PDB file of N, CA and C in Angstrom:
ATOM      1  N   UNK A   1     -12.157  -0.616  10.748  1.00  0.00           N
ATOM      2  CA  UNK A   1     -10.739  -0.458  10.479  1.00  0.00           C
ATOM      3  C   UNK A   1     -10.200   0.615  11.414  1.00  0.00           C
ATOM      4  N   UNK A   2      -9.120   0.303  12.065  1.00  0.00           N
ATOM      5  CA  UNK A   2      -8.488   1.265  12.972  1.00  0.00           C
ATOM      6  C   UNK A   2      -7.454   2.091  12.221  1.00  0.00           C
ATOM      7  N   UNK A   3      -7.530   3.401  12.374  1.00  0.00           N
ATOM      8  CA  UNK A   3      -6.575   4.326  11.762  1.00  0.00           C
ATOM      9  C   UNK A   3      -5.629   4.839  12.837  1.00  0.00           C
ATOM     10  N   UNK A   4      -4.335   4.650  12.607  1.00  0.00           N
ATOM     11  CA  UNK A   4      -3.314   5.124  13.551  1.00  0.00           C
ATOM     12  C   UNK A   4      -2.621   6.334  12.943  1.00  0.00           C
ATOM     13  N   UNK A   5      -2.865   7.497  13.515  1.00  0.00           N
ATOM     14  CA  UNK A   5      -2.280   8.730  12.990  1.00  0.00           C
ATOM     15  C   UNK A   5      -0.933   9.002  13.632  1.00  0.00           C
ATOM     16  N   UNK A   6      -0.032   9.567  12.851  1.00  0.00           N
ATOM     17  CA  UNK A   6       1.278   9.917  13.367  1.00  0.00           C
ATOM     18  C   UNK A   6       2.031  10.777  12.371  1.00  0.00           C
ATOM     19  N   UNK A   7       3.343  10.853  12.578  1.00  0.00           N
ATOM     20  CA  UNK A   7       4.221  11.640  11.714  1.00  0.00           C
ATOM     21  C   UNK A   7       5.449  10.822  11.359  1.00  0.00           C
ATOM     22  N   UNK A   8       5.966  11.032  10.154  1.00  0.00           N
ATOM     23  CA  UNK A   8       7.197  10.365   9.743  1.00  0.00           C
ATOM     24  C   UNK A   8       8.369  11.000  10.482  1.00  0.00           C
ATOM     25  N   UNK A   9       9.537  10.411  10.332  1.00  0.00           N
ATOM     26  CA  UNK A   9      10.736  10.962  10.969  1.00  0.00           C
ATOM     27  C   UNK A   9      11.082  12.343  10.423  1.00  0.00           C
ATOM     28  N   UNK A  10      10.536  12.676   9.250  1.00  0.00           N
ATOM     29  CA  UNK A  10      10.769  13.994   8.643  1.00  0.00           C
ATOM     30  C   UNK A  10       9.616  14.954   8.900  1.00  0.00           C
ATOM     31  N   UNK A  11       8.641  14.537   9.731  1.00  0.00           N
ATOM     32  CA  UNK A  11       7.576  15.438  10.146  1.00  0.00           C
ATOM     33  C   UNK A  11       6.347  15.474   9.254  1.00  0.00           C
ATOM     34  N   UNK A  12       6.207  14.510   8.341  1.00  0.00           N
ATOM     35  CA  UNK A  12       5.042  14.485   7.459  1.00  0.00           C
ATOM     36  C   UNK A  12       3.954  13.598   8.062  1.00  0.00           C
ATOM     37  N   UNK A  13       2.708  14.035   7.943  1.00  0.00           N
ATOM     38  CA  UNK A  13       1.567  13.296   8.476  1.00  0.00           C
ATOM     39  C   UNK A  13       1.482  11.929   7.804  1.00  0.00           C
ATOM     40  N   UNK A  14       1.217  10.880   8.616  1.00  0.00           N
ATOM     41  CA  UNK A  14       1.040   9.527   8.092  1.00  0.00           C
ATOM     42  C   UNK A  14      -0.074   8.842   8.879  1.00  0.00           C
ATOM     43  N   UNK A  15      -0.869   8.073   8.176  1.00  0.00           N
ATOM     44  CA  UNK A  15      -1.949   7.310   8.800  1.00  0.00           C
ATOM     45  C   UNK A  15      -1.756   5.846   8.415  1.00  0.00           C
ATOM     46  N   UNK A  16      -1.614   4.980   9.417  1.00  0.00           N
ATOM     47  CA  UNK A  16      -1.443   3.542   9.196  1.00  0.00           C
ATOM     48  C   UNK A  16      -2.767   2.832   9.419  1.00  0.00           C
ATOM     49  N   UNK A  17      -2.981   1.754   8.681  1.00  0.00           N
ATOM     50  CA  UNK A  17      -4.157   0.903   8.840  1.00  0.00           C
ATOM     51  C   UNK A  17      -3.846  -0.458   8.238  1.00  0.00           C
ATOM     52  N   UNK A  18      -4.742  -1.411   8.417  1.00  0.00           N
ATOM     53  CA  UNK A  18      -4.571  -2.734   7.832  1.00  0.00           C
ATOM     54  C   UNK A  18      -5.661  -2.990   6.803  1.00  0.00           C
ATOM     55  N   UNK A  19      -5.277  -3.688   5.727  1.00  0.00           N
ATOM     56  CA  UNK A  19      -6.270  -4.027   4.714  1.00  0.00           C
ATOM     57  C   UNK A  19      -7.021  -5.300   5.112  1.00  0.00           C
ATOM     58  N   UNK A  20      -7.854  -5.790   4.234  1.00  0.00           N
ATOM     59  CA  UNK A  20      -8.691  -6.960   4.484  1.00  0.00           C
ATOM     60  C   UNK A  20      -7.884  -8.180   4.898  1.00  0.00           C
ATOM     61  N   UNK A  21      -6.656  -8.322   4.371  1.00  0.00           N
ATOM     62  CA  UNK A  21      -5.814  -9.475   4.684  1.00  0.00           C
ATOM     63  C   UNK A  21      -4.834  -9.211   5.823  1.00  0.00           C
ATOM     64  N   UNK A  22      -4.935  -8.067   6.458  1.00  0.00           N
ATOM     65  CA  UNK A  22      -4.067  -7.757   7.580  1.00  0.00           C
ATOM     66  C   UNK A  22      -2.733  -7.150   7.198  1.00  0.00           C
ATOM     67  N   UNK A  23      -2.560  -6.791   5.922  1.00  0.00           N
ATOM     68  CA  UNK A  23      -1.317  -6.142   5.495  1.00  0.00           C
ATOM     69  C   UNK A  23      -1.298  -4.708   5.999  1.00  0.00           C
ATOM     70  N   UNK A  24      -0.144  -4.279   6.498  1.00  0.00           N
ATOM     71  CA  UNK A  24       0.000  -2.907   6.982  1.00  0.00           C
ATOM     72  C   UNK A  24       0.063  -1.961   5.785  1.00  0.00           C
ATOM     73  N   UNK A  25      -0.767  -0.933   5.824  1.00  0.00           N
ATOM     74  CA  UNK A  25      -0.874   0.051   4.747  1.00  0.00           C
ATOM     75  C   UNK A  25      -0.746   1.446   5.336  1.00  0.00           C
ATOM     76  N   UNK A  26      -0.562   2.418   4.466  1.00  0.00           N
ATOM     77  CA  UNK A  26      -0.502   3.793   4.952  1.00  0.00           C
ATOM     78  C   UNK A  26      -0.870   4.768   3.851  1.00  0.00           C
ATOM     79  N   UNK A  27      -1.242   5.941   4.324  1.00  0.00           N
ATOM     80  CA  UNK A  27      -1.418   7.099   3.463  1.00  0.00           C
ATOM     81  C   UNK A  27      -0.597   8.208   4.110  1.00  0.00           C
ATOM     82  N   UNK A  28       0.270   8.823   3.326  1.00  0.00           N
ATOM     83  CA  UNK A  28       1.250   9.757   3.880  1.00  0.00           C
ATOM     84  C   UNK A  28       1.373  10.984   3.000  1.00  0.00           C
ATOM     85  N   UNK A  29       1.489  12.131   3.625  1.00  0.00           N
ATOM     86  CA  UNK A  29       1.764  13.369   2.892  1.00  0.00           C
ATOM     87  C   UNK A  29       3.158  13.274   2.291  1.00  0.00           C
ATOM     88  N   UNK A  30       3.271  13.598   1.023  1.00  0.00           N
ATOM     89  CA  UNK A  30       4.544  13.532   0.311  1.00  0.00           C
ATOM     90  C   UNK A  30       5.390  14.769   0.576  1.00  0.00           C
ATOM     91  N   UNK A  31       6.690  14.585   0.470  1.00  0.00           N
ATOM     92  CA  UNK A  31       7.620  15.711   0.608  1.00  0.00           C
ATOM     93  C   UNK A  31       7.895  16.391  -0.734  1.00  0.00           C
ATOM     94  N   UNK A  32       7.218  15.956  -1.775  1.00  0.00           N
ATOM     95  CA  UNK A  32       7.417  16.517  -3.108  1.00  0.00           C
ATOM     96  C   UNK A  32       7.271  18.039  -3.080  1.00  0.00           C
ATOM     97  N   UNK A  33       8.254  18.746  -3.585  1.00  0.00           N
ATOM     98  CA  UNK A  33       8.257  20.211  -3.517  1.00  0.00           C
ATOM     99  C   UNK A  33       7.458  20.858  -4.643  1.00  0.00           C
ATOM    100  N   UNK A  34       7.248  20.148  -5.742  1.00  0.00           N
ATOM    101  CA  UNK A  34       6.624  20.757  -6.912  1.00  0.00           C
ATOM    102  C   UNK A  34       5.106  20.631  -6.951  1.00  0.00           C
ATOM    103  N   UNK A  35       4.540  19.678  -6.221  1.00  0.00           N
ATOM    104  CA  UNK A  35       3.093  19.453  -6.203  1.00  0.00           C
ATOM    105  C   UNK A  35       2.673  18.936  -4.835  1.00  0.00           C
ATOM    106  N   UNK A  36       1.410  19.181  -4.462  1.00  0.00           N
ATOM    107  CA  UNK A  36       0.840  18.493  -3.313  1.00  0.00           C
ATOM    108  C   UNK A  36       0.622  17.048  -3.738  1.00  0.00           C
ATOM    109  N   UNK A  37       1.075  16.111  -2.929  1.00  0.00           N
ATOM    110  CA  UNK A  37       0.933  14.697  -3.281  1.00  0.00           C
ATOM    111  C   UNK A  37       0.893  13.861  -2.009  1.00  0.00           C
ATOM    112  N   UNK A  38       0.439  12.623  -2.178  1.00  0.00           N
ATOM    113  CA  UNK A  38       0.424  11.659  -1.083  1.00  0.00           C
ATOM    114  C   UNK A  38       1.041  10.348  -1.558  1.00  0.00           C
ATOM    115  N   UNK A  39       1.512   9.571  -0.612  1.00  0.00           N
ATOM    116  CA  UNK A  39       1.887   8.180  -0.828  1.00  0.00           C
ATOM    117  C   UNK A  39       0.749   7.350  -0.267  1.00  0.00           C
ATOM    118  N   UNK A  40       0.317   6.302  -0.988  1.00  0.00           N
ATOM    119  CA  UNK A  40      -0.836   5.519  -0.569  1.00  0.00           C
ATOM    120  C   UNK A  40      -0.664   4.076  -1.005  1.00  0.00           C
ATOM    121  N   UNK A  41      -0.764   3.156  -0.064  1.00  0.00           N
ATOM    122  CA  UNK A  41      -0.686   1.744  -0.436  1.00  0.00           C
ATOM    123  C   UNK A  41      -0.144   0.867   0.674  1.00  0.00           C
ATOM    124  N   UNK A  42       0.277  -0.322   0.277  1.00  0.00           N
ATOM    125  CA  UNK A  42       0.834  -1.309   1.199  1.00  0.00           C
ATOM    126  C   UNK A  42       2.253  -0.890   1.559  1.00  0.00           C
ATOM    127  N   UNK A  43       2.620  -1.020   2.835  1.00  0.00           N
ATOM    128  CA  UNK A  43       3.952  -0.605   3.284  1.00  0.00           C
ATOM    129  C   UNK A  43       5.055  -1.578   2.870  1.00  0.00           C
ATOM    130  N   UNK A  44       4.730  -2.865   2.739  1.00  0.00           N
ATOM    131  CA  UNK A  44       5.739  -3.885   2.457  1.00  0.00           C
ATOM    132  C   UNK A  44       5.171  -4.845   1.418  1.00  0.00           C
ATOM    133  N   UNK A  45       5.925  -5.110   0.365  1.00  0.00           N
ATOM    134  CA  UNK A  45       5.460  -6.018  -0.681  1.00  0.00           C
ATOM    135  C   UNK A  45       5.279  -7.445  -0.159  1.00  0.00           C
ATOM    136  N   UNK A  46       6.039  -7.833   0.846  1.00  0.00           N
ATOM    137  CA  UNK A  46       5.938  -9.164   1.451  1.00  0.00           C
ATOM    138  C   UNK A  46       5.929 -10.263   0.377  1.00  0.00           C
ATOM    139  N   UNK A  47       7.002 -10.332  -0.439  1.00  0.00           N
ATOM    140  CA  UNK A  47       7.026 -11.304  -1.539  1.00  0.00           C
ATOM    141  C   UNK A  47       6.984 -12.750  -1.032  1.00  0.00           C
ATOM    142  N   UNK A  48       6.257 -13.576  -1.775  1.00  0.00           N
ATOM    143  CA  UNK A  48       6.125 -14.987  -1.428  1.00  0.00           C
ATOM    144  C   UNK A  48       6.270 -15.834  -2.685  1.00  0.00           C
ATOM    145  N   UNK A  49       6.579 -17.107  -2.495  1.00  0.00           N
ATOM    146  CA  UNK A  49       6.701 -18.066  -3.575  1.00  0.00           C
ATOM    147  C   UNK A  49       5.982 -19.342  -3.147  1.00  0.00           C
ATOM    148  N   UNK A  50       5.485 -20.092  -4.107  1.00  0.00           N
ATOM    149  CA  UNK A  50       4.843 -21.361  -3.779  1.00  0.00           C
ATOM    150  C   UNK A  50       5.872 -22.259  -3.095  1.00  0.00           C
ATOM    151  N   UNK A  51       5.494 -22.804  -1.955  1.00  0.00           N
ATOM    152  CA  UNK A  51       6.403 -23.654  -1.173  1.00  0.00           C
ATOM    153  C   UNK A  51       6.906 -24.828  -1.992  1.00  0.00           C
ATOM    154  N   UNK A  52       6.087 -25.337  -2.885  1.00  0.00           N
ATOM    155  CA  UNK A  52       6.485 -26.488  -3.703  1.00  0.00           C
ATOM    156  C   UNK A  52       7.660 -26.167  -4.625  1.00  0.00           C
ATOM    157  N   UNK A  53       7.921 -24.885  -4.875  1.00  0.00           N
ATOM    158  CA  UNK A  53       9.047 -24.473  -5.717  1.00  0.00           C
ATOM    159  C   UNK A  53      10.373 -24.488  -4.958  1.00  0.00           C
ATOM    160  N   UNK A  54      10.313 -24.422  -3.635  1.00  0.00           N
ATOM    161  CA  UNK A  54      11.550 -24.329  -2.850  1.00  0.00           C
ATOM    162  C   UNK A  54      11.703 -25.440  -1.808  1.00  0.00           C
ATOM    163  N   UNK A  55      10.648 -26.219  -1.578  1.00  0.00           N
ATOM    164  CA  UNK A  55      10.688 -27.286  -0.581  1.00  0.00           C
ATOM    165  C   UNK A  55      10.039 -28.540  -1.160  1.00  0.00           C
ATOM    166  N   UNK A  56      10.657 -29.665  -0.911  1.00  0.00           N
ATOM    167  CA  UNK A  56      10.025 -30.912  -1.321  1.00  0.00           C
ATOM    168  C   UNK A  56       8.762 -31.099  -0.483  1.00  0.00           C
ATOM    169  N   UNK A  57       7.665 -31.423  -1.119  1.00  0.00           N
ATOM    170  CA  UNK A  57       6.361 -31.581  -0.465  1.00  0.00           C
ATOM    171  C   UNK A  57       5.863 -30.293   0.192  1.00  0.00           C
ATOM    172  N   UNK A  58       6.389 -29.149  -0.232  1.00  0.00           N
ATOM    173  CA  UNK A  58       5.941 -27.876   0.327  1.00  0.00           C
ATOM    174  C   UNK A  58       4.524 -27.553  -0.113  1.00  0.00           C
ATOM    175  N   UNK A  59       3.776 -26.924   0.768  1.00  0.00           N
ATOM    176  CA  UNK A  59       2.386 -26.562   0.488  1.00  0.00           C
ATOM    177  C   UNK A  59       2.175 -25.096   0.849  1.00  0.00           C
ATOM    178  N   UNK A  60       1.438 -24.386   0.020  1.00  0.00           N
ATOM    179  CA  UNK A  60       1.106 -22.999   0.317  1.00  0.00           C
ATOM    180  C   UNK A  60       2.196 -22.039  -0.101  1.00  0.00           C
ATOM    181  N   UNK A  61       2.150 -20.869   0.483  1.00  0.00           N
ATOM    182  CA  UNK A  61       3.082 -19.788   0.166  1.00  0.00           C
ATOM    183  C   UNK A  61       4.091 -19.613   1.290  1.00  0.00           C
ATOM    184  N   UNK A  62       5.353 -19.337   0.931  1.00  0.00           N
ATOM    185  CA  UNK A  62       6.400 -19.055   1.911  1.00  0.00           C
ATOM    186  C   UNK A  62       7.105 -17.766   1.509  1.00  0.00           C
ATOM    187  N   UNK A  63       7.719 -17.113   2.480  1.00  0.00           N
ATOM    188  CA  UNK A  63       8.434 -15.854   2.200  1.00  0.00           C
ATOM    189  C   UNK A  63       9.503 -16.086   1.132  1.00  0.00           C
ATOM    190  N   UNK A  64       9.668 -15.103   0.272  1.00  0.00           N
ATOM    191  CA  UNK A  64      10.663 -15.154  -0.786  1.00  0.00           C
ATOM    192  C   UNK A  64      11.669 -14.039  -0.537  1.00  0.00           C
ATOM    193  N   UNK A  65      12.895 -14.401  -0.197  1.00  0.00           N
ATOM    194  CA  UNK A  65      13.880 -13.358   0.132  1.00  0.00           C
ATOM    195  C   UNK A  65      14.281 -12.537  -1.098  1.00  0.00           C
ATOM    196  N   UNK A  66      14.273 -11.240  -0.915  1.00  0.00           N
ATOM    197  CA  UNK A  66      14.669 -10.293  -1.970  1.00  0.00           C
ATOM    198  C   UNK A  66      15.970  -9.623  -1.522  1.00  0.00           C
ATOM    199  N   UNK A  67      16.964  -9.554  -2.396  1.00  0.00           N
ATOM    200  CA  UNK A  67      18.208  -8.867  -2.014  1.00  0.00           C
ATOM    201  C   UNK A  67      17.938  -7.428  -1.570  1.00  0.00           C
ATOM    202  N   UNK A  68      18.719  -6.947  -0.624  1.00  0.00           N
ATOM    203  CA  UNK A  68      18.514  -5.596  -0.085  1.00  0.00           C
ATOM    204  C   UNK A  68      18.668  -4.504  -1.135  1.00  0.00           C
ATOM    205  N   UNK A  69      19.401  -4.784  -2.223  1.00  0.00           N
ATOM    206  CA  UNK A  69      19.600  -3.757  -3.244  1.00  0.00           C
ATOM    207  C   UNK A  69      18.509  -3.788  -4.319  1.00  0.00           C
ATOM    208  N   UNK A  70      17.403  -4.485  -4.044  1.00  0.00           N
ATOM    209  CA  UNK A  70      16.253  -4.525  -4.947  1.00  0.00           C
ATOM    210  C   UNK A  70      15.108  -3.751  -4.299  1.00  0.00           C
ATOM    211  N   UNK A  71      14.489  -2.867  -5.057  1.00  0.00           N
ATOM    212  CA  UNK A  71      13.361  -2.074  -4.575  1.00  0.00           C
ATOM    213  C   UNK A  71      12.071  -2.627  -5.175  1.00  0.00           C
ATOM    214  N   UNK A  72      11.099  -2.887  -4.318  1.00  0.00           N
ATOM    215  CA  UNK A  72       9.765  -3.280  -4.764  1.00  0.00           C
ATOM    216  C   UNK A  72       8.825  -2.124  -4.441  1.00  0.00           C
ATOM    217  N   UNK A  73       8.295  -1.464  -5.458  1.00  0.00           N
ATOM    218  CA  UNK A  73       7.392  -0.335  -5.252  1.00  0.00           C
ATOM    219  C   UNK A  73       6.016  -0.853  -4.853  1.00  0.00           C
ATOM    220  N   UNK A  74       5.499  -0.369  -3.731  1.00  0.00           N
ATOM    221  CA  UNK A  74       4.220  -0.844  -3.228  1.00  0.00           C
ATOM    222  C   UNK A  74       3.216   0.282  -3.020  1.00  0.00           C
ATOM    223  N   UNK A  75       3.670   1.512  -3.108  1.00  0.00           N
ATOM    224  CA  UNK A  75       2.787   2.633  -2.806  1.00  0.00           C
ATOM    225  C   UNK A  75       2.658   3.545  -4.016  1.00  0.00           C
ATOM    226  N   UNK A  76       1.428   4.019  -4.218  1.00  0.00           N
ATOM    227  CA  UNK A  76       1.159   4.971  -5.289  1.00  0.00           C
ATOM    228  C   UNK A  76       1.582   6.363  -4.825  1.00  0.00           C
ATOM    229  N   UNK A  77       2.109   7.143  -5.726  1.00  0.00           N
ATOM    230  CA  UNK A  77       2.439   8.547  -5.448  1.00  0.00           C
ATOM    231  C   UNK A  77       1.441   9.363  -6.252  1.00  0.00           C
ATOM    232  N   UNK A  78       0.434   9.919  -5.573  1.00  0.00           N
ATOM    233  CA  UNK A  78      -0.689  10.572  -6.238  1.00  0.00           C
ATOM    234  C   UNK A  78      -0.719  12.069  -5.988  1.00  0.00           C
ATOM    235  N   UNK A  79      -0.980  12.819  -7.051  1.00  0.00           N
ATOM    236  CA  UNK A  79      -1.225  14.253  -6.910  1.00  0.00           C
ATOM    237  C   UNK A  79      -2.667  14.455  -6.445  1.00  0.00           C
ATOM    238  N   UNK A  80      -2.996  15.672  -6.086  1.00  0.00           N
ATOM    239  CA  UNK A  80      -4.375  15.986  -5.697  1.00  0.00           C
ATOM    240  C   UNK A  80      -5.334  15.704  -6.849  1.00  0.00           C
ATOM    241  N   UNK A  81      -4.930  16.040  -8.066  1.00  0.00           N
ATOM    242  CA  UNK A  81      -5.792  15.807  -9.233  1.00  0.00           C
ATOM    243  C   UNK A  81      -6.027  14.313  -9.445  1.00  0.00           C
ATOM    244  N   UNK A  82      -5.000  13.508  -9.291  1.00  0.00           N
ATOM    245  CA  UNK A  82      -5.166  12.058  -9.441  1.00  0.00           C
ATOM    246  C   UNK A  82      -6.090  11.503  -8.360  1.00  0.00           C
ATOM    247  N   UNK A  83      -5.911  11.949  -7.125  1.00  0.00           N
ATOM    248  CA  UNK A  83      -6.784  11.510  -6.029  1.00  0.00           C
ATOM    249  C   UNK A  83      -8.226  11.924  -6.313  1.00  0.00           C
ATOM    250  N   UNK A  84      -8.403  13.142  -6.837  1.00  0.00           N
ATOM    251  CA  UNK A  84      -9.743  13.647  -7.175  1.00  0.00           C
ATOM    252  C   UNK A  84     -10.413  12.766  -8.220  1.00  0.00           C
ATOM    253  N   UNK A  85      -9.647  12.294  -9.207  1.00  0.00           N
ATOM    254  CA  UNK A  85     -10.201  11.450 -10.257  1.00  0.00           C
ATOM    255  C   UNK A  85     -10.609  10.076  -9.724  1.00  0.00           C
ATOM    256  N   UNK A  86      -9.988   9.626  -8.655  1.00  0.00           N
ATOM    257  CA  UNK A  86     -10.339   8.329  -8.065  1.00  0.00           C
ATOM    258  C   UNK A  86     -11.561   8.412  -7.151  1.00  0.00           C
ATOM    259  N   UNK A  87     -11.852   9.593  -6.621  1.00  0.00           N
ATOM    260  CA  UNK A  87     -12.953   9.739  -5.663  1.00  0.00           C
ATOM    261  C   UNK A  87     -14.306   9.224  -6.173  1.00  0.00           C
ATOM    262  N   UNK A  88     -14.743   9.563  -7.385  1.00  0.00           N
ATOM    263  CA  UNK A  88     -16.042   9.055  -7.835  1.00  0.00           C
ATOM    264  C   UNK A  88     -16.080   7.527  -7.932  1.00  0.00           C
ATOM    265  N   UNK A  89     -14.975   6.936  -8.299  1.00  0.00           N
ATOM    266  CA  UNK A  89     -14.905   5.475  -8.394  1.00  0.00           C
ATOM    267  C   UNK A  89     -15.026   4.863  -7.012  1.00  0.00           C
ATOM    268  N   UNK A  90     -14.305   5.413  -6.051  1.00  0.00           N
ATOM    269  CA  UNK A  90     -14.382   4.911  -4.682  1.00  0.00           C
ATOM    270  C   UNK A  90     -15.770   5.143  -4.094  1.00  0.00           C
ATOM    271  N   UNK A  91     -16.362   6.306  -4.370  1.00  0.00           N
ATOM    272  CA  UNK A  91     -17.700   6.599  -3.853  1.00  0.00           C
ATOM    273  C   UNK A  91     -18.722   5.622  -4.418  1.00  0.00           C
ATOM    274  N   UNK A  92     -18.625   5.322  -5.703  1.00  0.00           N
ATOM    275  CA  UNK A  92     -19.531   4.350  -6.321  1.00  0.00           C
ATOM    276  C   UNK A  92     -19.384   2.986  -5.641  1.00  0.00           C
ATOM    277  N   UNK A  93     -18.171   2.587  -5.369  1.00  0.00           N
ATOM    278  CA  UNK A  93     -17.935   1.297  -4.704  1.00  0.00           C
ATOM    279  C   UNK A  93     -18.523   1.297  -3.293  1.00  0.00           C
ATOM    280  N   UNK A  94     -18.331   2.393  -2.558  1.00  0.00           N
ATOM    281  CA  UNK A  94     -18.894   2.492  -1.203  1.00  0.00           C
ATOM    282  C   UNK A  94     -20.406   2.361  -1.241  1.00  0.00           C
ATOM    283  N   UNK A  95     -21.041   3.014  -2.196  1.00  0.00           N
ATOM    284  CA  UNK A  95     -22.498   3.044  -2.252  1.00  0.00           C
ATOM    285  C   UNK A  95     -23.115   1.775  -2.838  1.00  0.00           C
ATOM    286  N   UNK A  96     -22.447   1.141  -3.806  1.00  0.00           N
ATOM    287  CA  UNK A  96     -23.076   0.026  -4.527  1.00  0.00           C
ATOM    288  C   UNK A  96     -22.311  -1.286  -4.466  1.00  0.00           C
ATOM    289  N   UNK A  97     -21.022  -1.236  -4.081  1.00  0.00           N
ATOM    290  CA  UNK A  97     -20.198  -2.434  -4.125  1.00  0.00           C
ATOM    291  C   UNK A  97     -19.657  -2.715  -5.524  1.00  0.00           C
ATOM    292  N   UNK A  98     -19.902  -1.812  -6.440  1.00  0.00           N
ATOM    293  CA  UNK A  98     -19.473  -1.971  -7.833  1.00  0.00           C
ATOM    294  C   UNK A  98     -18.581  -0.804  -8.256  1.00  0.00           C
ATOM    295  N   UNK A  99     -17.870  -0.986  -9.356  1.00  0.00           N
ATOM    296  CA  UNK A  99     -17.150   0.101 -10.008  1.00  0.00           C
ATOM    297  C   UNK A  99     -18.039   0.617 -11.142  1.00  0.00           C
ATOM    298  N   UNK A 100     -17.665   1.746 -11.734  1.00  0.00           N
ATOM    299  CA  UNK A 100     -18.472   2.283 -12.835  1.00  0.00           C
ATOM    300  C   UNK A 100     -18.677   1.231 -13.891  1.00  0.00           C
TER     301      UNK A 100
END
């Protein structure tokens, strides 16, 4: 997996990468003033609908347009403590391929 390091327009560290399906993801330092936190997850929800629902004889998945005034949350906002609690689970998966 290739990690692309950079900074947001507001100067916060961000690292971009792609998941198993090629979706663009990132981990970014949060601007939250009250706690150290990160944003982590998929950058774009990329909503889709079964083609058969919108096209006669449609097959597979097609893009589903979402109005601009609708927000789809795709990234977790994690504190250091929350990230710490996930570490043993991720480490177990790295070592065994399983969760606890």
